[in-house]
Each structure stands twice: as structure tokens, then as C-alpha cells.
Protein backbone atom coordinates (compact mmCIF):
# COMPACT_ATOMS: atom_id res chain seq x y z
CA MET A 1 -17.63 46.79 123.66
CA LYS A 2 -21.36 46.86 124.35
CA GLY A 3 -21.49 50.46 123.15
CA ARG A 4 -19.68 49.56 119.94
CA ILE A 5 -22.04 46.67 119.19
CA ILE A 6 -25.11 48.82 119.88
CA VAL A 7 -23.85 51.59 117.56
CA LEU A 8 -22.98 48.98 114.92
CA ILE A 9 -26.56 47.66 114.96
CA GLY A 10 -28.04 51.16 114.90
CA ALA A 11 -25.89 52.24 111.96
CA GLY A 12 -26.48 48.96 110.14
CA SER A 13 -30.24 49.54 110.25
CA PHE A 14 -29.71 52.74 108.23
CA GLY A 15 -28.21 50.62 105.44
CA ILE A 16 -31.52 48.90 104.77
CA LEU A 17 -33.28 52.21 104.06
CA SER A 18 -31.95 52.73 100.52
CA THR A 19 -33.45 49.40 99.39
CA ILE A 20 -36.85 50.19 100.93
CA VAL A 21 -36.84 53.68 99.40
CA LYS A 22 -36.09 52.22 95.95
CA LEU A 23 -39.06 49.89 96.34
CA ALA A 24 -41.28 52.79 97.42
CA TYR A 25 -40.16 54.96 94.49
CA GLY A 26 -40.80 52.01 92.19
CA LYS A 27 -44.42 52.00 93.35
CA GLY A 28 -44.81 55.65 92.42
CA PHE A 29 -44.44 57.31 95.82
CA ASP A 30 -42.56 60.62 95.92
CA VAL A 31 -40.04 62.07 98.35
CA SER A 32 -42.67 63.99 100.35
CA GLN A 33 -44.67 60.83 101.03
CA VAL A 34 -41.57 58.80 101.90
CA VAL A 35 -40.10 61.41 104.26
CA THR A 36 -43.33 62.31 106.07
CA SER A 37 -44.44 58.71 106.58
CA GLN A 38 -40.99 57.68 107.83
CA LEU A 39 -40.50 60.54 110.28
CA TRP A 40 -44.01 60.82 111.75
CA LEU A 41 -44.56 57.07 112.06
CA GLY A 42 -41.11 56.78 113.62
CA ALA A 43 -41.89 59.45 116.20
CA LEU A 44 -45.20 57.73 116.98
CA PHE A 45 -43.49 54.37 117.50
CA CYS A 46 -40.86 55.92 119.80
CA TRP A 47 -43.53 57.47 122.02
CA LEU A 48 -45.40 54.16 122.09
CA LEU A 49 -42.21 52.55 123.39
CA VAL A 50 -41.93 55.23 126.07
CA PHE A 51 -45.55 54.51 127.07
CA ILE A 52 -44.81 50.76 127.21
CA TYR A 53 -41.73 51.40 129.36
CA LYS A 54 -43.76 53.52 131.76
CA SER A 55 -46.62 51.00 131.89
CA ILE A 56 -44.28 48.25 133.09
CA GLY A 57 -42.74 50.49 135.73
CA ILE A 58 -39.49 51.56 134.03
CA LYS A 59 -38.69 55.22 134.67
CA THR A 60 -37.99 57.22 131.52
CA SER A 61 -37.63 60.70 132.97
CA LEU A 62 -35.74 63.66 131.52
CA ASN A 63 -34.21 64.43 134.94
CA THR A 64 -32.52 67.85 134.68
CA THR A 65 -32.21 67.91 130.87
CA SER A 66 -34.39 70.47 129.06
CA TRP A 67 -36.85 68.77 126.73
CA TRP A 68 -36.54 71.46 124.06
CA LYS A 69 -32.78 70.95 123.80
CA ILE A 70 -33.27 67.26 123.03
CA LEU A 71 -36.08 68.15 120.61
CA VAL A 72 -33.85 70.55 118.68
CA SER A 73 -31.04 67.96 118.62
CA GLY A 74 -33.36 65.80 116.51
CA PHE A 75 -33.48 68.36 113.68
CA PRO A 76 -30.36 66.87 111.98
CA LEU A 77 -32.23 63.55 111.67
CA GLY A 78 -35.00 65.22 109.68
CA MET A 79 -32.46 67.18 107.64
CA THR A 80 -30.57 64.01 106.75
CA SER A 81 -33.70 62.17 105.60
CA PHE A 82 -34.93 65.08 103.50
CA ALA A 83 -31.57 65.94 101.92
CA TYR A 84 -30.55 62.35 101.12
CA TYR A 85 -33.86 61.42 99.48
CA LYS A 86 -33.73 64.67 97.46
CA CYS A 87 -30.15 63.86 96.47
CA VAL A 88 -31.27 60.54 95.00
CA GLU A 89 -33.64 62.46 92.71
CA PHE A 90 -30.73 64.35 91.10
CA VAL A 91 -27.84 61.87 90.98
CA PRO A 92 -27.39 58.08 90.68
CA ALA A 93 -27.61 56.11 93.92
CA SER A 94 -23.87 55.34 93.85
CA ILE A 95 -22.97 59.04 93.89
CA ALA A 96 -25.59 59.75 96.55
CA ILE A 97 -24.06 57.11 98.82
CA LEU A 98 -20.56 58.44 98.20
CA LEU A 99 -21.67 61.96 99.12
CA LEU A 100 -23.51 60.77 102.22
CA PHE A 101 -20.43 58.95 103.46
CA GLN A 102 -18.54 62.18 103.76
CA PHE A 103 -20.10 62.21 107.24
CA VAL A 104 -17.15 60.05 108.38
CA TRP A 105 -14.51 62.78 108.14
CA MET A 106 -17.06 65.47 109.04
CA GLY A 107 -17.71 63.69 112.33
CA VAL A 108 -13.98 63.63 113.08
CA VAL A 109 -13.73 67.37 112.32
CA LEU A 110 -16.66 68.12 114.65
CA ASP A 111 -14.87 66.23 117.42
CA ILE A 112 -11.70 68.24 116.82
CA ILE A 113 -13.51 71.62 116.77
CA PHE A 114 -15.92 71.24 119.68
CA LYS A 115 -14.25 68.68 121.93
CA ARG A 116 -10.61 69.42 121.08
CA LYS A 117 -10.21 65.71 120.59
CA ARG A 118 -7.84 64.68 117.82
CA PRO A 119 -8.17 61.23 116.27
CA SER A 120 -5.48 58.69 117.01
CA THR A 121 -3.18 57.44 114.26
CA LEU A 122 -5.20 54.23 114.11
CA GLN A 123 -8.48 56.14 113.78
CA THR A 124 -7.03 58.36 111.04
CA PHE A 125 -5.91 55.24 109.16
CA SER A 126 -9.39 53.75 109.54
CA VAL A 127 -11.07 56.89 108.18
CA LEU A 128 -8.82 56.90 105.09
CA VAL A 129 -9.43 53.19 104.41
CA LEU A 130 -13.16 53.75 104.95
CA ILE A 131 -13.31 56.55 102.39
CA ILE A 132 -11.35 54.50 99.82
CA GLY A 133 -13.62 51.52 100.48
CA THR A 134 -16.67 53.73 99.97
CA VAL A 135 -15.48 54.74 96.49
CA PHE A 136 -15.25 51.08 95.48
CA ALA A 137 -18.36 49.84 97.32
CA ALA A 138 -20.55 52.60 95.89
CA GLY A 139 -19.75 51.37 92.38
CA ILE A 140 -17.99 54.54 91.22
CA VAL A 141 -15.11 52.53 89.70
CA ASP A 142 -17.49 50.46 87.55
CA GLN A 143 -19.37 53.52 86.26
CA PRO A 144 -16.84 56.06 84.95
CA ASN A 145 -19.48 58.01 82.97
CA LEU A 146 -21.74 58.86 85.89
CA LYS A 147 -23.50 62.22 85.62
CA TRP A 148 -22.90 64.66 88.45
CA SER A 149 -25.44 67.33 89.35
CA LEU A 150 -24.71 70.49 91.35
CA PRO A 151 -28.04 70.35 93.27
CA GLY A 152 -27.46 66.64 93.87
CA ILE A 153 -23.98 67.31 95.27
CA GLY A 154 -25.40 70.03 97.49
CA TYR A 155 -28.15 67.81 98.88
CA GLY A 156 -25.73 64.91 99.33
CA LEU A 157 -23.23 66.97 101.32
CA LEU A 158 -26.09 68.47 103.35
CA ALA A 159 -27.25 64.94 104.19
CA ALA A 160 -23.70 64.01 105.22
CA PHE A 161 -23.41 67.09 107.41
CA GLY A 162 -26.78 66.37 109.01
CA TYR A 163 -25.78 62.78 109.76
CA ALA A 164 -22.44 63.89 111.21
CA ILE A 165 -24.22 66.36 113.51
CA PHE A 166 -26.74 63.66 114.48
CA ILE A 167 -23.91 61.35 115.53
CA TYR A 168 -22.21 64.20 117.37
CA VAL A 169 -25.28 65.26 119.37
CA ASN A 170 -25.88 61.64 120.32
CA GLY A 171 -22.36 61.60 121.73
CA THR A 172 -23.21 64.52 124.01
CA LYS A 173 -24.03 63.09 127.41
CA ASN A 174 -27.16 64.07 129.31
CA ASP A 175 -28.96 62.59 132.29
CA ALA A 176 -32.21 61.87 130.45
CA HIS A 177 -33.28 58.27 129.88
CA PHE A 178 -32.11 57.09 126.45
CA MET A 179 -35.65 56.07 125.43
CA MET A 180 -37.04 59.52 126.25
CA THR A 181 -34.08 61.09 124.45
CA ALA A 182 -34.82 59.04 121.33
CA ALA A 183 -38.53 59.95 121.46
CA PHE A 184 -37.85 63.68 121.62
CA ARG A 185 -35.17 63.48 118.92
CA SER A 186 -37.43 61.56 116.54
CA THR A 187 -40.14 64.16 117.17
CA GLY A 188 -37.64 66.91 116.44
CA GLY A 189 -36.79 65.24 113.14
CA ALA A 190 -40.47 65.03 112.22
CA LEU A 191 -41.08 68.67 113.12
CA PHE A 192 -38.05 69.71 111.03
CA SER A 193 -39.63 68.05 107.98
CA MET A 194 -42.52 70.55 108.24
CA LEU A 195 -40.16 73.16 106.81
CA PHE A 196 -40.52 71.33 103.50
CA PHE A 197 -43.54 69.02 103.70
CA LEU A 198 -46.84 69.12 105.56
CA PRO A 199 -47.43 66.09 107.80
CA TRP A 200 -50.56 65.00 105.92
CA GLN A 201 -48.75 64.77 102.58
CA GLY A 202 -47.94 61.15 103.39
CA LEU A 203 -51.32 60.31 104.89
CA ASP A 204 -53.12 59.93 101.57
CA GLY A 205 -50.64 57.32 100.39
CA ILE A 206 -50.87 55.53 103.73
CA SER A 207 -54.64 55.32 103.66
CA THR A 208 -55.23 54.54 100.00
CA ASN A 209 -52.15 53.36 98.12
CA GLY A 210 -50.25 51.07 100.47
CA LEU A 211 -47.52 53.47 101.58
CA LEU A 212 -47.87 51.98 105.06
CA SER A 213 -46.04 48.84 103.93
CA TYR A 214 -43.00 51.01 103.20
CA GLY A 215 -43.51 53.69 105.86
CA ILE A 216 -43.46 51.22 108.75
CA PRO A 217 -40.10 49.58 107.92
CA LEU A 218 -38.62 52.98 107.03
CA ALA A 219 -39.75 54.29 110.41
CA ILE A 220 -38.45 51.28 112.34
CA PHE A 221 -35.05 51.03 110.65
CA GLY A 222 -34.51 54.77 110.14
CA ILE A 223 -36.19 56.56 113.03
CA VAL A 224 -36.76 54.10 115.87
CA ILE A 225 -33.68 51.87 116.04
CA PRO A 226 -30.87 54.38 115.27
CA PRO A 227 -31.90 57.15 117.73
CA ILE A 228 -32.49 54.65 120.54
CA PHE A 229 -29.27 52.72 119.93
CA PHE A 230 -27.20 55.85 119.28
CA ALA A 231 -28.54 57.60 122.39
CA TRP A 232 -27.40 54.62 124.45
CA GLY A 233 -24.17 53.67 122.68
CA ILE A 234 -22.42 56.76 121.31
CA PRO A 235 -21.86 58.48 124.71
CA LYS A 236 -19.93 55.36 125.71
CA ILE A 237 -17.51 55.34 122.76
CA GLY A 238 -17.30 58.91 121.43
CA THR A 239 -18.10 60.64 118.14
CA THR A 240 -14.96 59.71 116.18
CA GLU A 241 -15.24 56.00 116.85
CA ALA A 242 -18.99 56.09 116.24
CA SER A 243 -18.40 57.76 112.85
CA ILE A 244 -16.00 54.97 111.87
CA ILE A 245 -18.30 52.18 113.07
CA SER A 246 -21.23 53.80 111.21
CA GLY A 247 -19.44 52.90 108.00
CA ILE A 248 -21.20 49.53 108.32
CA GLU A 249 -24.18 51.23 106.69
CA LEU A 250 -22.77 50.85 103.17
CA PRO A 251 -21.95 47.10 103.34
CA VAL A 252 -25.48 46.53 104.66
CA ALA A 253 -26.90 48.63 101.80
CA VAL A 254 -24.92 46.62 99.22
CA LEU A 255 -25.98 43.29 100.74
CA SER A 256 -29.66 44.25 101.01
CA ALA A 257 -29.73 45.52 97.42
CA SER A 258 -28.11 42.28 96.26
CA ILE A 259 -30.43 39.99 98.24
CA ILE A 260 -33.76 41.87 98.08
CA LEU A 261 -33.50 43.78 94.79
CA HIS A 262 -31.27 41.18 93.07
CA GLU A 263 -28.96 43.95 91.94
CA TYR A 264 -25.63 42.98 90.40
CA VAL A 265 -22.69 43.62 92.72
CA SER A 266 -19.32 43.74 90.99
CA PHE A 267 -15.99 42.46 92.24
CA TRP A 268 -14.81 46.00 92.99
CA GLN A 269 -17.91 46.69 95.05
CA TRP A 270 -17.25 43.58 97.15
CA PHE A 271 -13.64 44.71 97.43
CA GLY A 272 -14.88 48.04 98.79
CA VAL A 273 -17.13 46.26 101.28
CA VAL A 274 -14.11 44.27 102.54
CA LEU A 275 -12.09 47.49 102.95
CA ILE A 276 -14.91 49.09 104.94
CA LEU A 277 -15.22 46.06 107.20
CA LEU A 278 -11.44 46.12 107.67
CA ALA A 279 -11.54 49.81 108.60
CA ILE A 280 -14.24 49.12 111.19
CA THR A 281 -12.93 45.90 112.74
CA TYR A 282 -9.15 46.42 112.75
CA PRO A 283 -9.15 49.22 115.37
CA GLN A 284 -11.46 47.13 117.58
CA ILE A 285 -9.12 44.14 117.36
CA ARG A 286 -6.14 46.34 118.24
CA ASN A 287 -8.01 47.86 121.18
CA ILE A 288 -8.90 44.42 122.51
CA GLN A 289 -5.32 43.23 122.12
CA ASN A 290 -3.99 46.26 124.00
CA ARG A 291 -6.55 46.14 126.81
CA PRO A 292 -5.65 44.23 129.99
CA LEU A 293 -7.41 40.89 130.39
CA LYS A 294 -9.33 42.01 133.48
CA LYS A 295 -10.66 45.03 131.61
CA GLN A 296 -11.72 42.85 128.66
CA LEU A 297 -13.65 40.55 130.97
CA HIS A 298 -15.29 43.53 132.68
CA ASP A 299 -16.42 44.99 129.35
């Protein structure tokens, strides 16, 4: 249960990003500035946390795990950030969110291919309800004349694939400390962004135009919290369940847009949010009901 709650918080923090990015774009910042500031500041913050841990006597060693393997496993984080923010440039936000949420079934497929682990009937039901809820919550039903773009679809599916891989690699157990794992993965994500943007492309906005006020929250909610929480929580619950729980991202995105941006949220969007919450919580309730009392108390 602790692992589920930790993953829920980590995934929920991703939901706030779309609102912050909209605010940053509204101030005239472009995708290169947003991505570079988010990833490099996030990596810096993670290493600062490692330094703080070490300074107070907490061991954060890699043990027998190769540092470069953890570094490379952070590439999907950078790919997801780049692809999703590019997707938003080509298609409306509602379509971008719908495309991103294809990571749910992609994560299940990855589990089947690499771990030979088939989802239970309850998990399959949850995935289907989650996808249906996403269609409603993203606002697709209220906007029948939305314009689709082939590059936008490509970037959106690439972002979904990157996020699915990111969840999967976090579910791969290693004996490194979770804080060190998160630091190397965030660094890997930042290094991956250099394939498209130079690190100093975001520095000008940080130093002169106030990008820091957007880069810091983007780094904290997108690069610091998820890798740390995922590195700790996903190995405890598995990729399939983590993919389902990560559906909380969309309800958080809808709520933050409604509260912070004062965007109108229709009845059907709220209906979709309820379906997503049902898909996430119902399996947990069933698991608790089926678990012996002693096991529940232990967890």
C-alpha cells in the first residue's frame, strides 16, 4: 500500500505540469527553454538532495549497479518531456493528453513482452475504463471538430512510449539507493535533451526574462518528485499496476487547469475524471478486501 501511495503522488505531480507549461508559453517562452530549464534544474536539484543525504550521514551508494545503466534508463524521461511539449505545438491540448495516455496500455504490453506477466482480469478492466475515462476527461466529446496533425500524433505517441518505458525501467529492481537512482536518471533525461537543444538555450530566459519562476516548479514536479517516488514505489507494485495508478495524472491536470487557469470543465470531463478515479481505486479496494487482515495490518 505504501508503494501504491508513493506512485500515486509521483504520477499526480506530473498532472500539474501542463498548467505550468501553458503559463510559460503564455509568457512567450518556447519549447527549448521550457524543456532545458525543466530537465537541467531538475537534475541539479536531485544531486543537491543526494548531497544533503550524504551530509547527514545517510548512505546513497550505487552498490553493485553500474552508474551508466541507470543514466541511460533516464533517457525516456527526456524523450517524454521533449515529445509531449512538441506535441502540444501541433495539436490541441485535449488531443495531446489523449495521445500521452496511451502509455497505460503500452506499459501493460511491455510487462507482457519482457516479464511474461499478463494482466489480471481486474487490471484489464481497469485499463479499459481508464482509456474510456481519458476520452471524456480530455474533452474530446465536447470538441468534435478538433484538428488532428500527423506530426502531432507522432510526437504524442512518442511521448506515451517514452513514459511507458520510464515506468517500466523504474519497475526494474536494482540495489542502488533510490535517491542516487533518481539523480542519475534525471541526469540521463537532461543529457538526452542535448540531442535536440543545447543546455544554455534555457539559460537566457532564466537570467533575463523570468523563466526561473516556471523552470523551478517544472523541475520539482516533473523531474525531482516522479523519479524519486517511482524509483522507490514501482519496484514494490510492478509496471502494470503502476501504469494504472499513473492515470491520476489526468484528473490532477483537469483540476489544476480549473483552479489555476480558471478553465471551463464540462460535465463530460468531470464524468471522465470519475471514471479514471474508479479505474484506479476499484482494484485497490478489491485487493484490500481479498487480503487477510494480518497482511493488511502489516502493509
